[in-house]
Amino acid sequence: MAYSQKQAPVQNDEADFDVLLDPGLIRSARSIYTTYYEVHPELIQRPLGVAISVMLTLAVLISSELT
């Protein structure tokens, strides 16, 4: 008796990729990152990046340290 593995259907992620390249999101992320630097010039460690939720209209700086 042979068993076969079911594979998950391949999803087309092109729509998600287009959202990542949205110039408005990139401008927002850059603005958040720059504002953080201007407000906290004494901090040496830089944030890793910015996470933006389009659905929740929420942005968070990503850091390598837990605070």
C-alpha atoms as a PDB file:
ATOM      1  CA  MET A   1       0.000   0.000   0.000  1.00  0.00           C
ATOM      2  CA  ALA A   2       1.468   3.387  -0.980  1.00  0.00           C
ATOM      3  CA  TYR A   3       0.821   6.602   0.815  1.00  0.00           C
ATOM      4  CA  SER A   4       1.077   9.979  -0.802  1.00  0.00           C
ATOM      5  CA  GLN A   5       1.625  13.272   0.890  1.00  0.00           C
ATOM      6  CA  LYS A   6      -0.928  15.963   0.318  1.00  0.00           C
ATOM      7  CA  GLN A   7       0.659  19.228  -0.660  1.00  0.00           C
ATOM      8  CA  ALA A   8      -0.814  22.564   0.199  1.00  0.00           C
ATOM      9  CA  PRO A   9      -2.082  24.492  -2.813  1.00  0.00           C
ATOM     10  CA  VAL A  10       0.317  27.075  -4.130  1.00  0.00           C
ATOM     11  CA  GLN A  11      -0.873  30.563  -3.350  1.00  0.00           C
ATOM     12  CA  ASN A  12      -0.165  33.477  -5.592  1.00  0.00           C
ATOM     13  CA  ASP A  13       1.677  36.001  -3.422  1.00  0.00           C
ATOM     14  CA  GLU A  14       1.991  38.677  -6.116  1.00  0.00           C
ATOM     15  CA  ALA A  15      -0.716  40.795  -4.464  1.00  0.00           C
ATOM     16  CA  ASP A  16       1.134  40.653  -1.131  1.00  0.00           C
ATOM     17  CA  PHE A  17       4.403  41.554  -2.864  1.00  0.00           C
ATOM     18  CA  ASP A  18       2.795  44.603  -4.468  1.00  0.00           C
ATOM     19  CA  VAL A  19       1.750  45.852  -1.028  1.00  0.00           C
ATOM     20  CA  LEU A  20       5.351  45.533   0.188  1.00  0.00           C
ATOM     21  CA  LEU A  21       6.542  47.762  -2.630  1.00  0.00           C
ATOM     22  CA  ASP A  22       3.900  50.437  -2.052  1.00  0.00           C
ATOM     23  CA  PRO A  23       5.772  53.780  -2.103  1.00  0.00           C
ATOM     24  CA  GLY A  24       3.452  55.179   0.571  1.00  0.00           C
ATOM     25  CA  LEU A  25       4.381  52.385   2.979  1.00  0.00           C
ATOM     26  CA  ILE A  26       8.088  52.858   2.291  1.00  0.00           C
ATOM     27  CA  ARG A  27       7.783  56.617   2.916  1.00  0.00           C
ATOM     28  CA  SER A  28       5.908  55.948   6.153  1.00  0.00           C
ATOM     29  CA  ALA A  29       8.512  53.462   7.364  1.00  0.00           C
ATOM     30  CA  ARG A  30      11.327  55.870   6.521  1.00  0.00           C
ATOM     31  CA  SER A  31       9.542  58.693   8.324  1.00  0.00           C
ATOM     32  CA  ILE A  32       8.979  56.586  11.462  1.00  0.00           C
ATOM     33  CA  TYR A  33      12.616  55.463  11.464  1.00  0.00           C
ATOM     34  CA  THR A  34      13.892  59.054  10.997  1.00  0.00           C
ATOM     35  CA  THR A  35      11.611  60.426  13.708  1.00  0.00           C
ATOM     36  CA  TYR A  36      12.883  57.770  16.118  1.00  0.00           C
ATOM     37  CA  TYR A  37      16.461  58.894  15.453  1.00  0.00           C
ATOM     38  CA  GLU A  38      15.600  62.558  15.941  1.00  0.00           C
ATOM     39  CA  VAL A  39      13.768  61.922  19.216  1.00  0.00           C
ATOM     40  CA  HIS A  40      16.380  59.468  20.617  1.00  0.00           C
ATOM     41  CA  PRO A  41      19.816  60.694  19.427  1.00  0.00           C
ATOM     42  CA  GLU A  42      21.491  59.341  22.586  1.00  0.00           C
ATOM     43  CA  LEU A  43      20.675  55.724  21.772  1.00  0.00           C
ATOM     44  CA  ILE A  44      23.524  53.866  20.104  1.00  0.00           C
ATOM     45  CA  GLN A  45      21.708  50.728  18.987  1.00  0.00           C
ATOM     46  CA  ARG A  46      19.657  51.142  15.853  1.00  0.00           C
ATOM     47  CA  PRO A  47      16.287  49.483  15.355  1.00  0.00           C
ATOM     48  CA  LEU A  48      16.290  46.591  12.874  1.00  0.00           C
ATOM     49  CA  GLY A  49      13.375  48.003  10.945  1.00  0.00           C
ATOM     50  CA  VAL A  50       9.738  48.980  10.934  1.00  0.00           C
ATOM     51  CA  ALA A  51       6.720  46.677  10.786  1.00  0.00           C
ATOM     52  CA  ILE A  52       3.571  48.241   9.359  1.00  0.00           C
ATOM     53  CA  SER A  53       0.114  46.683   9.463  1.00  0.00           C
ATOM     54  CA  VAL A  54      -1.984  48.065   6.638  1.00  0.00           C
ATOM     55  CA  MET A  55      -5.193  46.567   8.004  1.00  0.00           C
ATOM     56  CA  LEU A  56      -4.747  47.912  11.545  1.00  0.00           C
ATOM     57  CA  THR A  57      -3.057  51.186  10.558  1.00  0.00           C
ATOM     58  CA  LEU A  58      -0.320  50.407  13.071  1.00  0.00           C
ATOM     59  CA  ALA A  59       3.473  50.715  12.880  1.00  0.00           C
ATOM     60  CA  VAL A  60       6.080  49.302  15.261  1.00  0.00           C
ATOM     61  CA  LEU A  61       9.867  49.618  15.374  1.00  0.00           C
ATOM     62  CA  ILE A  62      11.624  46.255  15.477  1.00  0.00           C
ATOM     63  CA  SER A  63      14.545  45.959  17.893  1.00  0.00           C
ATOM     64  CA  SER A  64      16.965  43.144  18.617  1.00  0.00           C
ATOM     65  CA  GLU A  65      16.694  43.730  22.380  1.00  0.00           C
ATOM     66  CA  LEU A  66      13.716  43.003  24.587  1.00  0.00           C
ATOM     67  CA  THR A  67      12.682  45.965  26.677  1.00  0.00           C
END
